[in-house]
Amino acid sequence: MVKTYMTENRLRLVGRAWEIRAVLRTIASNSNATLSQFLSANNAPAEDRTA
């Protein structure tokens, strides 16, 4: 199970390597944005949130 922590300018994924790759591929395929643009679009509060 992958744990995802997002802040305004940071994405932290915790899990097994193959799970993290799958999450990154999903993010990349659903959006043509850079990571910075993705994080701005999914603006999180100042503290970490778990998804």
Protein backbone atom coordinates (compact mmCIF):
# COMPACT_ATOMS: atom_id res chain seq x y z
CA MET A 1 0.00 0.00 0.00
CA VAL A 2 1.43 3.35 -1.04
CA LYS A 3 1.19 6.31 1.30
CA THR A 4 1.12 9.69 -0.43
CA TYR A 5 2.03 12.93 1.31
CA MET A 6 1.56 16.15 -0.67
CA THR A 7 2.39 19.71 0.21
CA GLU A 8 2.48 22.82 -1.94
CA ASN A 9 5.85 21.97 -3.46
CA ARG A 10 6.57 18.39 -2.45
CA LEU A 11 5.29 14.90 -3.20
CA ARG A 12 6.41 12.04 -0.97
CA LEU A 13 5.47 8.46 -1.83
CA VAL A 14 6.14 5.67 0.67
CA GLY A 15 5.76 2.07 -0.37
CA ARG A 16 7.32 -0.66 -2.46
CA ALA A 17 9.21 0.37 -5.60
CA TRP A 18 6.74 -1.22 -8.03
CA GLU A 19 3.81 0.47 -6.26
CA ILE A 20 5.50 3.87 -6.42
CA ARG A 21 6.25 3.42 -10.14
CA ALA A 22 2.60 2.53 -10.75
CA VAL A 23 1.40 5.67 -8.94
CA LEU A 24 3.85 7.86 -10.88
CA ARG A 25 2.74 6.32 -14.17
CA THR A 26 -0.90 6.95 -13.26
CA ILE A 27 -0.17 10.59 -12.43
CA ALA A 28 1.81 11.01 -15.66
CA SER A 29 -0.85 9.39 -17.85
CA ASN A 30 -3.72 11.41 -16.35
CA SER A 31 -2.00 14.73 -16.77
CA ASN A 32 0.37 16.34 -19.25
CA ALA A 33 1.66 18.69 -16.56
CA THR A 34 5.03 18.80 -14.87
CA LEU A 35 5.28 17.71 -11.26
CA SER A 36 5.33 21.34 -10.15
CA GLN A 37 2.14 22.07 -12.11
CA PHE A 38 0.50 18.90 -10.76
CA LEU A 39 1.27 19.89 -7.16
CA SER A 40 -0.02 23.43 -7.74
CA ALA A 41 -3.26 22.09 -9.23
CA ASN A 42 -3.71 19.73 -6.26
CA ASN A 43 -2.86 22.41 -3.73
CA ALA A 44 -2.63 20.90 -0.26
CA PRO A 45 -2.82 22.68 3.08
CA ALA A 46 0.43 23.67 4.77
CA GLU A 47 0.62 20.39 6.68
CA ASP A 48 1.00 16.98 5.01
CA ARG A 49 -2.09 15.09 3.99
CA THR A 50 -2.40 11.38 3.39
CA ALA A 51 -4.34 10.16 0.41
